Amino acid sequence: MLIVTEVSSYTSDIALGFYLWGPPTKLSWDKNAQAGYVSFAEKITDGVLRFKSGTVPLEAKLNGPNKMTLQSRNPTKPSETAVVKLAPLWQLSSTSKSIVSKR
């Protein structure tokens, strides 16, 4: 799971957030890893957010409206990659739209 809490264009496109993962599965690179999370504060360059979870490099990229992919590389075998398509669970609505609640 990727949680982006803030993206600030005032500070050179810095993204803040968290990357979370579950326990290992049969396809995991590290069978002894535990579930966990890391925080990140990284610059977005050429539309790509790059950060690390331990020794694993990750890249998050927008692929259109409400579509993002997260790619990771196996640190011991860089030719092995994993790509996950992410969909938003929740996001802020645009401040330019007025939302009226009907009761």
C-alpha atoms as a PDB file:
ATOM      1  CA  MET A   1       0.000   0.000   0.000  1.00  0.00           C
ATOM      2  CA  LEU A   2       1.220   3.476  -0.827  1.00  0.00           C
ATOM      3  CA  ILE A   3      -0.120   6.392   1.191  1.00  0.00           C
ATOM      4  CA  VAL A   4       0.840   9.824  -0.115  1.00  0.00           C
ATOM      5  CA  THR A   5       0.010  12.376   2.564  1.00  0.00           C
ATOM      6  CA  GLU A   6       1.344  15.502   0.885  1.00  0.00           C
ATOM      7  CA  VAL A   7       2.849  16.706  -2.361  1.00  0.00           C
ATOM      8  CA  SER A   8       4.256  20.190  -2.249  1.00  0.00           C
ATOM      9  CA  SER A   9       5.142  22.033  -5.437  1.00  0.00           C
ATOM     10  CA  TYR A  10       6.442  24.880  -3.257  1.00  0.00           C
ATOM     11  CA  THR A  11       9.362  22.702  -2.177  1.00  0.00           C
ATOM     12  CA  SER A  12      10.465  21.257  -5.524  1.00  0.00           C
ATOM     13  CA  ASP A  13       7.769  18.551  -5.850  1.00  0.00           C
ATOM     14  CA  ILE A  14       8.506  16.728  -2.605  1.00  0.00           C
ATOM     15  CA  ALA A  15       6.147  13.855  -1.768  1.00  0.00           C
ATOM     16  CA  LEU A  16       5.607  12.693   1.805  1.00  0.00           C
ATOM     17  CA  GLY A  17       3.973   9.455   2.827  1.00  0.00           C
ATOM     18  CA  PHE A  18       4.234   5.817   3.781  1.00  0.00           C
ATOM     19  CA  TYR A  19       4.775   2.490   2.018  1.00  0.00           C
ATOM     20  CA  LEU A  20       3.261  -0.550   3.756  1.00  0.00           C
ATOM     21  CA  TRP A  21       3.621  -4.271   3.020  1.00  0.00           C
ATOM     22  CA  GLY A  22       2.170  -7.484   4.380  1.00  0.00           C
ATOM     23  CA  PRO A  23       3.813 -10.751   5.415  1.00  0.00           C
ATOM     24  CA  PRO A  24       5.715 -12.704   2.752  1.00  0.00           C
ATOM     25  CA  THR A  25       3.888 -14.886   0.255  1.00  0.00           C
ATOM     26  CA  LYS A  26       5.168 -17.789  -1.835  1.00  0.00           C
ATOM     27  CA  LEU A  27       6.232 -15.265  -4.531  1.00  0.00           C
ATOM     28  CA  SER A  28       8.097 -12.929  -2.138  1.00  0.00           C
ATOM     29  CA  TRP A  29      11.806 -12.345  -2.665  1.00  0.00           C
ATOM     30  CA  ASP A  30      12.515 -12.447   1.075  1.00  0.00           C
ATOM     31  CA  LYS A  31      10.630 -15.288   2.769  1.00  0.00           C
ATOM     32  CA  ASN A  32      11.802 -14.195   6.240  1.00  0.00           C
ATOM     33  CA  ALA A  33      10.609 -10.586   6.033  1.00  0.00           C
ATOM     34  CA  GLN A  34       7.887  -9.393   8.365  1.00  0.00           C
ATOM     35  CA  ALA A  35       5.029  -7.041   7.553  1.00  0.00           C
ATOM     36  CA  GLY A  36       5.965  -3.420   8.092  1.00  0.00           C
ATOM     37  CA  TYR A  37       6.174   0.102   6.747  1.00  0.00           C
ATOM     38  CA  VAL A  38       8.594   2.886   5.892  1.00  0.00           C
ATOM     39  CA  SER A  39       8.017   6.593   5.596  1.00  0.00           C
ATOM     40  CA  PHE A  40       9.370   8.624   2.707  1.00  0.00           C
ATOM     41  CA  ALA A  41      10.065  12.248   1.847  1.00  0.00           C
ATOM     42  CA  GLU A  42      11.377  12.232  -1.702  1.00  0.00           C
ATOM     43  CA  LYS A  43      11.443  14.446  -4.753  1.00  0.00           C
ATOM     44  CA  ILE A  44       9.293  13.613  -7.773  1.00  0.00           C
ATOM     45  CA  THR A  45      11.507  13.696 -10.861  1.00  0.00           C
ATOM     46  CA  ASP A  46      10.164  13.360 -14.411  1.00  0.00           C
ATOM     47  CA  GLY A  47       6.794  12.290 -12.978  1.00  0.00           C
ATOM     48  CA  VAL A  48       8.305   9.421 -10.954  1.00  0.00           C
ATOM     49  CA  LEU A  49       8.530   9.116  -7.176  1.00  0.00           C
ATOM     50  CA  ARG A  50      11.597   7.063  -6.240  1.00  0.00           C
ATOM     51  CA  PHE A  51      12.278   5.780  -2.723  1.00  0.00           C
ATOM     52  CA  LYS A  52      13.648   2.732  -0.908  1.00  0.00           C
ATOM     53  CA  SER A  53      12.186   0.236   1.509  1.00  0.00           C
ATOM     54  CA  GLY A  54      15.334  -1.052   3.163  1.00  0.00           C
ATOM     55  CA  THR A  55      17.487  -2.144   0.226  1.00  0.00           C
ATOM     56  CA  VAL A  56      14.552  -2.467  -2.206  1.00  0.00           C
ATOM     57  CA  PRO A  57      14.274   0.434  -4.680  1.00  0.00           C
ATOM     58  CA  LEU A  58      10.703   1.426  -5.582  1.00  0.00           C
ATOM     59  CA  GLU A  59       9.239   3.699  -8.261  1.00  0.00           C
ATOM     60  CA  ALA A  60       5.680   5.062  -8.236  1.00  0.00           C
ATOM     61  CA  LYS A  61       4.310   6.556 -11.431  1.00  0.00           C
ATOM     62  CA  LEU A  62       0.930   8.010 -12.406  1.00  0.00           C
ATOM     63  CA  ASN A  63      -0.511   6.311 -15.492  1.00  0.00           C
ATOM     64  CA  GLY A  64      -3.567   8.509 -15.940  1.00  0.00           C
ATOM     65  CA  PRO A  65      -6.425   9.778 -13.821  1.00  0.00           C
ATOM     66  CA  ASN A  66      -6.644   7.706 -10.621  1.00  0.00           C
ATOM     67  CA  LYS A  67      -4.151   5.129 -11.926  1.00  0.00           C
ATOM     68  CA  MET A  68      -0.701   4.458 -10.523  1.00  0.00           C
ATOM     69  CA  THR A  69       1.880   1.697 -10.815  1.00  0.00           C
ATOM     70  CA  LEU A  70       4.460   0.782  -8.205  1.00  0.00           C
ATOM     71  CA  GLN A  71       7.548  -1.052  -9.429  1.00  0.00           C
ATOM     72  CA  SER A  72      10.176  -2.672  -7.219  1.00  0.00           C
ATOM     73  CA  ARG A  73      13.478  -4.342  -8.054  1.00  0.00           C
ATOM     74  CA  ASN A  74      14.984  -7.317  -6.285  1.00  0.00           C
ATOM     75  CA  PRO A  75      18.148  -5.931  -4.639  1.00  0.00           C
ATOM     76  CA  THR A  76      20.009  -9.249  -5.026  1.00  0.00           C
ATOM     77  CA  LYS A  77      18.828  -9.852  -8.625  1.00  0.00           C
ATOM     78  CA  PRO A  78      18.148  -6.432 -10.261  1.00  0.00           C
ATOM     79  CA  SER A  79      16.755  -8.092 -13.384  1.00  0.00           C
ATOM     80  CA  GLU A  80      13.779  -9.290 -11.279  1.00  0.00           C
ATOM     81  CA  THR A  81      11.036  -6.697 -10.981  1.00  0.00           C
ATOM     82  CA  ALA A  82       7.552  -6.641  -9.537  1.00  0.00           C
ATOM     83  CA  VAL A  83       4.861  -4.250 -10.792  1.00  0.00           C
ATOM     84  CA  VAL A  84       1.669  -3.530  -8.883  1.00  0.00           C
ATOM     85  CA  LYS A  85      -1.242  -1.518 -10.255  1.00  0.00           C
ATOM     86  CA  LEU A  86      -2.658   0.699  -7.526  1.00  0.00           C
ATOM     87  CA  ALA A  87      -6.166   2.131  -7.301  1.00  0.00           C
ATOM     88  CA  PRO A  88      -7.206   4.859  -4.869  1.00  0.00           C
ATOM     89  CA  LEU A  89      -9.185   3.833  -1.822  1.00  0.00           C
ATOM     90  CA  TRP A  90      -9.739   7.416  -0.744  1.00  0.00           C
ATOM     91  CA  GLN A  91      -8.632  10.797  -1.975  1.00  0.00           C
ATOM     92  CA  LEU A  92      -9.363  14.439  -1.366  1.00  0.00           C
ATOM     93  CA  SER A  93     -11.902  15.992  -3.655  1.00  0.00           C
ATOM     94  CA  SER A  94     -11.011  19.066  -5.659  1.00  0.00           C
ATOM     95  CA  THR A  95     -11.476  22.313  -3.737  1.00  0.00           C
ATOM     96  CA  SER A  96     -12.953  23.945  -6.828  1.00  0.00           C
ATOM     97  CA  LYS A  97     -16.029  21.701  -6.677  1.00  0.00           C
ATOM     98  CA  SER A  98     -18.834  22.419  -4.304  1.00  0.00           C
ATOM     99  CA  ILE A  99     -20.282  19.294  -2.718  1.00  0.00           C
ATOM    100  CA  VAL A 100     -23.774  19.566  -1.349  1.00  0.00           C
ATOM    101  CA  SER A 101     -25.027  17.022   1.119  1.00  0.00           C
ATOM    102  CA  LYS A 102     -28.671  16.025   0.884  1.00  0.00           C
ATOM    103  CA  ARG A 103     -30.430  14.696   3.939  1.00  0.00           C
END
